[in-house]
Every structure is written in structure tokens, then in C-alpha cells.
Amino acid sequence: MLDILKKTYLAGLGLATLTREKVEEIVDELVKRGEVAEKDRSHVVQDLLDRARDEQKKLSSSVQDAVQKVIRELGVPTRKEYRHLVNRVEALEKKSDAQKADSSNDSTSAGG
């Protein structure tokens, strides 16, 4: 499962990290080959950059969803659940310490 996440992330990252310079190089090549008109060059560059940004957002959302799913499947507690458990343990420790102290006081007063 994690391997799939990693591969998906890296594939999307390739598209999402296209720099303006690289996009311009690609579009210039398309212009040279006659697949894009020179007058459309800047529009095509901006369109590709917008698509790359959108893909980056989609990828980020997909990765977050997949990670959340894995966390739920593994039964990992949320931050809120973890904090609640810590508070319960601390309360039980205080109660236990208080009972030990009471028990110790009872045994010393009974023996004196």
C-alpha cells in the first residue's frame, strides 16, 4: 500500500513540479514543430502551468486521503484520542499515588 502511495506521489510530483522554464521549453518545441501557433504561445504556457498547479492540488488531496485511510485501517489513534488517553492515564496515576499515600499513612498510624 505504501509503495503505491509513493509511486503515485512521485509520478504526480513530476507533473506538479514543472517549472515555468521547462514549460516554456516544451511549448517552444511545439511552436517549432508547428503544433502551436506563436501567437498562442503565452496562453499555452499559462494553461500548462495552471494544469500543473491543479494536478499538484489533486495529488496532495489524494495522498492525504490515502494516508488517512491507512491510518484508520491500522487503528492509529487521532491526536485528540491520544490526548484523551494520556489524560486518563495521568488521572489514574494520581489516583493510584493518592491511594498508596493513604495506605501508607494508615499503616504507620496503626503501628504507632
N, C-alpha and C. Protein backbone atom coordinates (compact mmCIF):
# COMPACT_ATOMS: atom_id res chain seq x y z
N MET A 1 0.83 -1.20 0.00
CA MET A 1 0.00 0.00 0.00
C MET A 1 0.87 1.26 0.00
N LEU A 2 1.87 1.31 0.86
CA LEU A 2 2.74 2.47 0.92
C LEU A 2 3.55 2.63 -0.35
N ASP A 3 3.90 1.51 -1.00
CA ASP A 3 4.65 1.58 -2.25
C ASP A 3 3.81 2.24 -3.33
N ILE A 4 2.53 1.91 -3.38
CA ILE A 4 1.62 2.53 -4.35
C ILE A 4 1.52 4.02 -4.09
N LEU A 5 1.40 4.39 -2.82
CA LEU A 5 1.34 5.81 -2.46
C LEU A 5 2.59 6.54 -2.92
N LYS A 6 3.73 5.92 -2.69
CA LYS A 6 4.99 6.55 -3.06
C LYS A 6 5.10 6.74 -4.57
N LYS A 7 4.74 5.69 -5.33
CA LYS A 7 4.82 5.79 -6.79
C LYS A 7 3.85 6.84 -7.33
N THR A 8 2.65 6.85 -6.79
CA THR A 8 1.65 7.83 -7.22
C THR A 8 2.12 9.24 -6.92
N TYR A 9 2.65 9.41 -5.74
CA TYR A 9 3.13 10.73 -5.34
C TYR A 9 4.27 11.19 -6.26
N LEU A 10 5.23 10.30 -6.52
CA LEU A 10 6.36 10.68 -7.36
C LEU A 10 5.95 10.97 -8.80
N ALA A 11 4.99 10.21 -9.32
CA ALA A 11 4.51 10.46 -10.68
C ALA A 11 3.83 11.82 -10.76
N GLY A 12 2.98 12.10 -9.81
CA GLY A 12 2.29 13.39 -9.78
C GLY A 12 3.25 14.53 -9.53
N LEU A 13 4.24 14.27 -8.74
CA LEU A 13 5.23 15.29 -8.42
C LEU A 13 5.97 15.73 -9.68
N GLY A 14 6.21 14.79 -10.58
CA GLY A 14 6.87 15.13 -11.83
C GLY A 14 6.07 16.17 -12.60
N LEU A 15 4.78 15.96 -12.70
CA LEU A 15 3.93 16.91 -13.40
C LEU A 15 3.79 18.20 -12.60
N ALA A 16 3.63 18.06 -11.32
CA ALA A 16 3.35 19.21 -10.48
C ALA A 16 4.55 20.14 -10.32
N THR A 17 5.75 19.62 -10.52
CA THR A 17 6.93 20.45 -10.30
C THR A 17 7.50 21.01 -11.59
N LEU A 18 6.71 20.95 -12.65
CA LEU A 18 7.17 21.56 -13.89
C LEU A 18 7.41 23.04 -13.63
N THR A 19 8.59 23.49 -13.97
CA THR A 19 8.89 24.90 -13.78
C THR A 19 8.44 25.69 -15.00
N ARG A 20 8.30 26.96 -14.82
CA ARG A 20 7.92 27.82 -15.93
C ARG A 20 8.93 27.67 -17.07
N GLU A 21 10.20 27.60 -16.70
CA GLU A 21 11.26 27.47 -17.70
C GLU A 21 11.09 26.19 -18.52
N LYS A 22 10.81 25.09 -17.86
CA LYS A 22 10.64 23.81 -18.55
C LYS A 22 9.40 23.84 -19.43
N VAL A 23 8.31 24.42 -18.93
CA VAL A 23 7.09 24.52 -19.71
C VAL A 23 7.34 25.35 -20.96
N GLU A 24 8.07 26.45 -20.80
CA GLU A 24 8.38 27.30 -21.95
C GLU A 24 9.22 26.55 -22.98
N GLU A 25 10.15 25.74 -22.51
CA GLU A 25 10.95 24.92 -23.43
C GLU A 25 10.06 23.96 -24.22
N ILE A 26 9.13 23.32 -23.53
CA ILE A 26 8.22 22.38 -24.18
C ILE A 26 7.36 23.10 -25.22
N VAL A 27 6.81 24.24 -24.83
CA VAL A 27 5.95 24.98 -25.75
C VAL A 27 6.76 25.51 -26.93
N ASP A 28 7.98 25.96 -26.68
CA ASP A 28 8.83 26.42 -27.79
C ASP A 28 9.06 25.30 -28.80
N GLU A 29 9.24 24.10 -28.29
CA GLU A 29 9.42 22.95 -29.18
C GLU A 29 8.15 22.70 -29.99
N LEU A 30 7.00 22.83 -29.34
CA LEU A 30 5.73 22.66 -30.04
C LEU A 30 5.54 23.74 -31.11
N VAL A 31 5.98 24.95 -30.81
CA VAL A 31 5.90 26.04 -31.79
C VAL A 31 6.79 25.73 -32.99
N LYS A 32 8.02 25.27 -32.72
CA LYS A 32 8.95 24.92 -33.79
C LYS A 32 8.36 23.84 -34.71
N ARG A 33 7.65 22.89 -34.11
CA ARG A 33 7.09 21.79 -34.89
C ARG A 33 5.77 22.19 -35.56
N GLY A 34 5.30 23.39 -35.26
CA GLY A 34 4.06 23.87 -35.87
C GLY A 34 2.81 23.37 -35.20
N GLU A 35 2.94 22.76 -34.02
CA GLU A 35 1.78 22.24 -33.32
C GLU A 35 1.08 23.31 -32.49
N VAL A 36 1.79 24.41 -32.24
CA VAL A 36 1.22 25.54 -31.51
C VAL A 36 1.60 26.80 -32.28
N ALA A 37 0.64 27.69 -32.48
CA ALA A 37 0.92 28.94 -33.17
C ALA A 37 1.71 29.86 -32.24
N GLU A 38 2.61 30.63 -32.79
CA GLU A 38 3.43 31.57 -32.00
C GLU A 38 2.54 32.51 -31.19
N LYS A 39 1.45 32.96 -31.80
CA LYS A 39 0.56 33.91 -31.10
C LYS A 39 -0.11 33.27 -29.87
N ASP A 40 -0.20 31.94 -29.86
CA ASP A 40 -0.84 31.22 -28.75
C ASP A 40 0.16 30.78 -27.69
N ARG A 41 1.43 31.04 -27.92
CA ARG A 41 2.50 30.54 -27.05
C ARG A 41 2.26 30.89 -25.58
N SER A 42 2.06 32.16 -25.26
CA SER A 42 1.93 32.57 -23.85
C SER A 42 0.68 31.96 -23.22
N HIS A 43 -0.40 31.86 -24.01
CA HIS A 43 -1.63 31.24 -23.49
C HIS A 43 -1.41 29.76 -23.17
N VAL A 44 -0.70 29.07 -24.05
CA VAL A 44 -0.44 27.64 -23.84
C VAL A 44 0.47 27.43 -22.63
N VAL A 45 1.48 28.29 -22.49
CA VAL A 45 2.38 28.21 -21.32
C VAL A 45 1.56 28.36 -20.04
N GLN A 46 0.73 29.40 -19.99
CA GLN A 46 -0.06 29.64 -18.78
C GLN A 46 -1.03 28.49 -18.52
N ASP A 47 -1.63 27.96 -19.58
CA ASP A 47 -2.56 26.84 -19.44
C ASP A 47 -1.86 25.62 -18.84
N LEU A 48 -0.66 25.32 -19.33
CA LEU A 48 0.08 24.17 -18.80
C LEU A 48 0.49 24.39 -17.35
N LEU A 49 0.89 25.62 -17.02
CA LEU A 49 1.25 25.92 -15.62
C LEU A 49 0.03 25.79 -14.71
N ASP A 50 -1.12 26.25 -15.20
CA ASP A 50 -2.35 26.12 -14.41
C ASP A 50 -2.72 24.65 -14.20
N ARG A 51 -2.58 23.87 -15.27
CA ARG A 51 -2.86 22.43 -15.15
C ARG A 51 -1.91 21.76 -14.16
N ALA A 52 -0.64 22.13 -14.21
CA ALA A 52 0.34 21.55 -13.29
C ALA A 52 -0.03 21.89 -11.85
N ARG A 53 -0.44 23.15 -11.62
CA ARG A 53 -0.84 23.56 -10.27
C ARG A 53 -2.07 22.78 -9.81
N ASP A 54 -3.04 22.61 -10.72
CA ASP A 54 -4.25 21.86 -10.37
C ASP A 54 -3.91 20.40 -10.07
N GLU A 55 -3.03 19.81 -10.86
CA GLU A 55 -2.62 18.43 -10.62
C GLU A 55 -1.91 18.29 -9.27
N GLN A 56 -1.13 19.30 -8.93
CA GLN A 56 -0.43 19.27 -7.64
C GLN A 56 -1.45 19.28 -6.51
N LYS A 57 -2.48 20.11 -6.63
CA LYS A 57 -3.51 20.15 -5.59
C LYS A 57 -4.25 18.82 -5.49
N LYS A 58 -4.61 18.25 -6.65
CA LYS A 58 -5.31 16.96 -6.66
C LYS A 58 -4.44 15.87 -6.04
N LEU A 59 -3.17 15.88 -6.40
CA LEU A 59 -2.26 14.88 -5.87
C LEU A 59 -2.13 15.00 -4.36
N SER A 60 -1.98 16.21 -3.90
CA SER A 60 -1.85 16.44 -2.46
C SER A 60 -3.10 15.93 -1.72
N SER A 61 -4.25 16.22 -2.27
CA SER A 61 -5.50 15.77 -1.66
C SER A 61 -5.60 14.24 -1.68
N SER A 62 -5.22 13.64 -2.80
CA SER A 62 -5.27 12.17 -2.91
C SER A 62 -4.33 11.51 -1.91
N VAL A 63 -3.15 12.06 -1.78
CA VAL A 63 -2.17 11.50 -0.84
C VAL A 63 -2.69 11.63 0.59
N GLN A 64 -3.24 12.79 0.92
CA GLN A 64 -3.80 12.98 2.26
C GLN A 64 -4.91 11.96 2.54
N ASP A 65 -5.81 11.79 1.58
CA ASP A 65 -6.91 10.84 1.76
C ASP A 65 -6.38 9.42 1.95
N ALA A 66 -5.39 9.05 1.13
CA ALA A 66 -4.83 7.69 1.22
C ALA A 66 -4.13 7.48 2.56
N VAL A 67 -3.41 8.46 3.01
CA VAL A 67 -2.71 8.34 4.30
C VAL A 67 -3.72 8.23 5.44
N GLN A 68 -4.77 9.03 5.39
CA GLN A 68 -5.81 8.95 6.42
C GLN A 68 -6.45 7.57 6.43
N LYS A 69 -6.68 7.01 5.25
CA LYS A 69 -7.28 5.68 5.16
C LYS A 69 -6.36 4.63 5.78
N VAL A 70 -5.07 4.71 5.48
CA VAL A 70 -4.11 3.76 6.05
C VAL A 70 -4.07 3.90 7.56
N ILE A 71 -4.06 5.12 8.04
CA ILE A 71 -4.03 5.36 9.50
C ILE A 71 -5.26 4.76 10.16
N ARG A 72 -6.43 4.96 9.54
CA ARG A 72 -7.66 4.38 10.11
C ARG A 72 -7.59 2.85 10.11
N GLU A 73 -7.11 2.28 8.99
CA GLU A 73 -7.02 0.82 8.89
C GLU A 73 -6.05 0.22 9.90
N LEU A 74 -5.01 0.95 10.22
CA LEU A 74 -4.04 0.47 11.20
C LEU A 74 -4.51 0.69 12.63
N GLY A 75 -5.57 1.46 12.80
CA GLY A 75 -6.11 1.71 14.13
C GLY A 75 -5.29 2.71 14.93
N VAL A 76 -4.54 3.55 14.26
CA VAL A 76 -3.75 4.57 14.94
C VAL A 76 -4.70 5.63 15.49
N PRO A 77 -4.58 5.94 16.76
CA PRO A 77 -5.49 6.93 17.34
C PRO A 77 -5.21 8.33 16.80
N THR A 78 -6.27 9.13 16.74
CA THR A 78 -6.11 10.53 16.33
C THR A 78 -5.40 11.29 17.44
N ARG A 79 -4.97 12.50 17.15
CA ARG A 79 -4.30 13.33 18.15
C ARG A 79 -5.23 13.56 19.34
N LYS A 80 -6.51 13.78 19.04
CA LYS A 80 -7.49 14.02 20.10
C LYS A 80 -7.66 12.78 20.98
N GLU A 81 -7.77 11.61 20.33
CA GLU A 81 -7.90 10.35 21.08
C GLU A 81 -6.67 10.08 21.92
N TYR A 82 -5.50 10.34 21.36
CA TYR A 82 -4.25 10.14 22.08
C TYR A 82 -4.19 11.04 23.31
N ARG A 83 -4.53 12.31 23.13
CA ARG A 83 -4.50 13.26 24.26
C ARG A 83 -5.47 12.82 25.36
N HIS A 84 -6.64 12.32 24.94
CA HIS A 84 -7.64 11.83 25.90
C HIS A 84 -7.06 10.66 26.70
N LEU A 85 -6.41 9.73 26.02
CA LEU A 85 -5.81 8.58 26.70
C LEU A 85 -4.71 9.01 27.67
N VAL A 86 -3.88 9.96 27.25
CA VAL A 86 -2.82 10.47 28.13
C VAL A 86 -3.45 11.07 29.39
N ASN A 87 -4.49 11.85 29.21
CA ASN A 87 -5.16 12.48 30.37
C ASN A 87 -5.74 11.42 31.32
N ARG A 88 -6.32 10.36 30.74
CA ARG A 88 -6.87 9.29 31.57
C ARG A 88 -5.77 8.59 32.36
N VAL A 89 -4.65 8.31 31.70
CA VAL A 89 -3.54 7.64 32.38
C VAL A 89 -3.01 8.52 33.51
N GLU A 90 -2.86 9.81 33.23
CA GLU A 90 -2.37 10.72 34.27
C GLU A 90 -3.32 10.77 35.46
N ALA A 91 -4.63 10.78 35.18
CA ALA A 91 -5.62 10.80 36.26
C ALA A 91 -5.54 9.51 37.08
N LEU A 92 -5.38 8.38 36.40
CA LEU A 92 -5.26 7.10 37.11
C LEU A 92 -3.98 7.05 37.94
N GLU A 93 -2.90 7.60 37.43
CA GLU A 93 -1.65 7.62 38.19
C GLU A 93 -1.81 8.45 39.45
N LYS A 94 -2.46 9.60 39.34
CA LYS A 94 -2.68 10.45 40.52
C LYS A 94 -3.55 9.73 41.55
N LYS A 95 -4.58 9.06 41.05
CA LYS A 95 -5.48 8.33 41.95
C LYS A 95 -4.71 7.20 42.65
N SER A 96 -3.89 6.49 41.89
CA SER A 96 -3.11 5.40 42.45
C SER A 96 -2.11 5.92 43.48
N ASP A 97 -1.43 7.02 43.16
CA ASP A 97 -0.48 7.61 44.11
C ASP A 97 -1.18 8.05 45.39
N ALA A 98 -2.38 8.62 45.25
CA ALA A 98 -3.13 9.06 46.42
C ALA A 98 -3.53 7.87 47.28
N GLN A 99 -3.94 6.78 46.64
CA GLN A 99 -4.32 5.58 47.39
C GLN A 99 -3.12 4.98 48.11
N LYS A 100 -1.96 5.00 47.45
CA LYS A 100 -0.75 4.48 48.09
C LYS A 100 -0.38 5.33 49.30
N ALA A 101 -0.51 6.63 49.14
CA ALA A 101 -0.18 7.53 50.24
C ALA A 101 -1.14 7.31 51.41
N ASP A 102 -2.42 7.15 51.13
CA ASP A 102 -3.40 6.87 52.18
C ASP A 102 -3.11 5.55 52.87
N SER A 103 -2.76 4.53 52.08
CA SER A 103 -2.46 3.21 52.61
C SER A 103 -1.21 3.28 53.47
N SER A 104 -0.24 4.02 53.04
CA SER A 104 1.00 4.18 53.81
C SER A 104 0.73 4.91 55.12
N ASN A 105 -0.09 5.94 55.07
CA ASN A 105 -0.45 6.69 56.29
C ASN A 105 -1.22 5.81 57.27
N ASP A 106 -2.10 4.97 56.75
CA ASP A 106 -2.89 4.09 57.62
C ASP A 106 -1.99 3.08 58.32
N SER A 107 -1.00 2.54 57.63
CA SER A 107 -0.15 1.52 58.23
C SER A 107 0.81 2.13 59.24
N THR A 108 1.26 3.36 59.03
CA THR A 108 2.17 3.98 60.01
C THR A 108 1.42 4.44 61.25
N SER A 109 0.17 4.89 61.08
CA SER A 109 -0.60 5.32 62.25
C SER A 109 -1.11 4.12 63.04
N ALA A 110 -1.32 3.00 62.38
CA ALA A 110 -1.79 1.79 63.08
C ALA A 110 -0.65 1.16 63.86
N GLY A 111 0.56 1.32 63.39
CA GLY A 111 1.69 0.71 64.06
C GLY A 111 2.27 1.56 65.15
N GLY A 112 1.88 2.88 65.27
CA GLY A 112 2.49 3.80 66.20
C GLY A 112 1.81 3.86 67.48
